[in-house]
Amino acid sequence: MNSDRRRCAFARLVLLALVAAVLAVPAVGCRRGPAKAVFTGRVTLNDEPLPQGAISFYPLDRLPSAGAVINAGSYRMEAFPGSYRVEISGSKVVGQKKNDIPDGPMVDILESIVPAEYNSASKLVQEVKLDTKTLDFKLVTPAGK
C-alpha cells in the first residue's frame, strides 16, 4: 500500500509540474519583442485642425516605420522608441466630380493643403519614447499662399 501512495503522490507531482509548465509558456512565449509607445496627437494647419490626411514616421535608425490616418486633426499611432523623420500630408474637399464608372457615385475632388516642407521635403524630426502619450504638430502655411 505504501508503494501505491508513492506512485499516486509522484503522479500528482508530475501532473502539477506539467500544469505549471503549460501555464508558464504564455507568460514567456507570447512576448513579441520590444514594447511600443502608443500615443495620440493633433495636427493643425494655421491653427485649424487638418481636415484629413496621413502622418508617417520614417526611422532614422533600424526601426520599422509607422503611420496613421489623420481625421479632423486627430490621429492615434504605435511606434517603437527612437528617432523618426516625420511626413504629414493633408487635403481638403474642393468639389465633386462624376465617377469614371458608368452610373457610379460622385467622388470628392481633393486639394493638397500641406506645404512640401512638412511632407515630401520634410525636415521634421521627432523622438518617440516609451512613455510618449501625446505628439502634436502645428503646421504653418508660408505667408502669401
Protein backbone atom coordinates (compact mmCIF):
# COMPACT_ATOMS: atom_id res chain seq x y z
CA MET A 1 0.00 0.00 0.00
CA ASN A 2 2.94 2.32 0.65
CA SER A 3 4.13 1.95 -2.93
CA ASP A 4 0.62 2.90 -4.22
CA ARG A 5 0.73 6.11 -2.18
CA ARG A 6 4.17 6.94 -3.53
CA ARG A 7 3.06 6.32 -7.11
CA CYS A 8 -0.04 8.47 -6.59
CA ALA A 9 2.00 11.26 -4.97
CA PHE A 10 4.57 11.06 -7.78
CA ALA A 11 1.80 11.17 -10.42
CA ARG A 12 0.30 14.25 -8.75
CA LEU A 13 3.70 15.91 -8.62
CA VAL A 14 4.30 15.20 -12.33
CA LEU A 15 0.82 16.47 -13.21
CA LEU A 16 1.36 19.63 -11.14
CA ALA A 17 4.71 20.26 -12.86
CA LEU A 18 3.12 19.82 -16.29
CA VAL A 19 0.28 22.22 -15.45
CA ALA A 20 2.78 24.79 -14.15
CA ALA A 21 4.88 24.45 -17.31
CA VAL A 22 1.84 24.87 -19.58
CA LEU A 23 0.68 27.95 -17.66
CA ALA A 24 4.17 29.49 -17.77
CA VAL A 25 4.55 29.21 -21.57
CA PRO A 26 2.12 32.06 -22.45
CA ALA A 27 3.80 34.38 -19.98
CA VAL A 28 7.20 33.77 -21.55
CA GLY A 29 6.44 32.78 -25.14
CA CYS A 30 3.91 35.42 -26.18
CA ARG A 31 6.14 38.45 -25.94
CA ARG A 32 6.56 39.86 -29.43
CA GLY A 33 9.68 41.92 -28.98
CA PRO A 34 10.31 45.39 -27.61
CA ALA A 35 7.41 47.47 -26.35
CA LYS A 36 5.88 50.19 -28.50
CA ALA A 37 4.78 53.64 -27.44
CA VAL A 38 1.06 54.20 -28.04
CA PHE A 39 0.20 57.86 -28.45
CA THR A 40 -2.29 60.29 -29.90
CA GLY A 41 -1.88 63.72 -31.37
CA ARG A 42 -3.41 66.72 -33.06
CA VAL A 43 -2.26 68.18 -36.36
CA THR A 44 -3.21 71.77 -37.13
CA LEU A 45 -2.53 73.94 -40.14
CA ASN A 46 -2.61 77.66 -39.39
CA ASP A 47 -4.28 76.86 -36.03
CA GLU A 48 -7.10 74.88 -37.72
CA PRO A 49 -7.41 71.06 -37.44
CA LEU A 50 -6.15 69.32 -40.57
CA PRO A 51 -9.40 68.00 -42.13
CA GLN A 52 -7.96 64.73 -43.43
CA GLY A 53 -4.57 63.31 -44.20
CA ALA A 54 -1.83 60.98 -43.09
CA ILE A 55 1.18 61.12 -40.82
CA SER A 56 4.21 58.88 -41.37
CA PHE A 57 7.20 58.28 -39.13
CA TYR A 58 10.31 57.12 -41.01
CA PRO A 59 13.09 55.80 -38.74
CA LEU A 60 16.49 57.41 -38.58
CA ASP A 61 17.86 54.11 -37.24
CA ARG A 62 16.96 50.44 -37.69
CA LEU A 63 13.29 50.64 -36.69
CA PRO A 64 10.19 49.89 -38.72
CA SER A 65 8.25 52.89 -39.99
CA ALA A 66 4.89 53.82 -38.52
CA GLY A 67 1.90 55.74 -39.78
CA ALA A 68 -1.66 56.78 -39.11
CA VAL A 69 -4.64 58.44 -40.72
CA ILE A 70 -5.48 61.98 -39.66
CA ASN A 71 -9.18 62.67 -39.29
CA ALA A 72 -10.47 66.08 -38.17
CA GLY A 73 -6.96 66.91 -36.92
CA SER A 74 -6.54 63.81 -34.74
CA TYR A 75 -4.52 60.63 -35.06
CA ARG A 76 -3.52 57.58 -32.99
CA MET A 77 -0.28 55.68 -33.55
CA GLU A 78 2.01 52.97 -32.21
CA ALA A 79 5.77 53.23 -32.75
CA PHE A 80 8.94 51.80 -31.28
CA PRO A 81 11.02 54.22 -29.23
CA GLY A 82 13.57 56.03 -31.40
CA SER A 83 14.16 58.97 -33.75
CA TYR A 84 11.99 59.50 -36.81
CA ARG A 85 11.65 61.85 -39.77
CA VAL A 86 8.00 62.87 -39.92
CA GLU A 87 5.97 63.46 -43.08
CA ILE A 88 2.48 64.91 -42.93
CA SER A 89 0.12 65.11 -45.87
CA GLY A 90 -3.34 66.55 -45.91
CA SER A 91 -6.12 67.63 -48.19
CA LYS A 92 -9.48 69.30 -48.25
CA VAL A 93 -12.53 68.72 -50.42
CA VAL A 94 -12.86 71.44 -53.07
CA GLY A 95 -15.70 69.96 -55.10
CA GLN A 96 -17.13 66.80 -56.62
CA LYS A 97 -16.98 65.11 -59.99
CA LYS A 98 -18.65 62.23 -61.75
CA ASN A 99 -17.03 58.87 -61.10
CA ASP A 100 -15.35 57.16 -64.09
CA ILE A 101 -17.63 54.16 -63.61
CA PRO A 102 -20.92 54.41 -65.57
CA ASP A 103 -23.76 55.27 -63.17
CA GLY A 104 -21.17 55.47 -60.39
CA PRO A 105 -21.47 57.87 -57.47
CA MET A 106 -19.98 61.34 -57.37
CA VAL A 107 -16.50 61.47 -55.87
CA ASP A 108 -14.76 64.23 -53.94
CA ILE A 109 -12.12 66.39 -55.59
CA LEU A 110 -9.27 66.81 -53.12
CA GLU A 111 -6.66 69.54 -52.98
CA SER A 112 -3.37 69.12 -51.12
CA ILE A 113 -3.07 71.80 -48.45
CA VAL A 114 0.09 70.86 -46.54
CA PRO A 115 3.28 72.57 -47.77
CA ALA A 116 6.10 70.33 -49.08
CA GLU A 117 8.29 71.34 -46.14
CA TYR A 118 6.10 69.08 -43.97
CA ASN A 119 5.78 66.14 -46.39
CA SER A 120 7.93 65.39 -49.46
CA ALA A 121 10.69 67.81 -48.33
CA SER A 122 10.12 67.34 -44.60
CA LYS A 123 12.89 68.07 -42.15
CA LEU A 124 10.67 67.40 -39.13
CA VAL A 125 12.41 65.05 -36.69
CA GLN A 126 10.64 63.56 -33.70
CA GLU A 127 11.93 61.47 -30.82
CA VAL A 128 9.49 58.81 -29.57
CA LYS A 129 9.98 57.50 -26.05
CA LEU A 130 8.26 54.53 -24.45
CA ASP A 131 6.31 56.90 -22.18
CA THR A 132 5.23 59.23 -25.04
CA LYS A 133 1.47 59.80 -24.78
CA THR A 134 0.87 62.86 -26.98
CA LEU A 135 2.63 64.32 -30.04
CA ASP A 136 1.06 67.41 -31.59
CA PHE A 137 2.19 69.12 -34.79
CA LYS A 138 1.40 72.78 -35.52
CA LEU A 139 1.97 73.42 -39.22
CA VAL A 140 2.03 76.88 -40.80
CA THR A 141 1.49 77.80 -44.42
CA PRO A 142 4.11 80.29 -45.67
CA ALA A 143 2.75 83.83 -45.99
CA GLY A 144 1.09 84.58 -49.30
CA LYS A 145 -0.03 81.00 -50.01
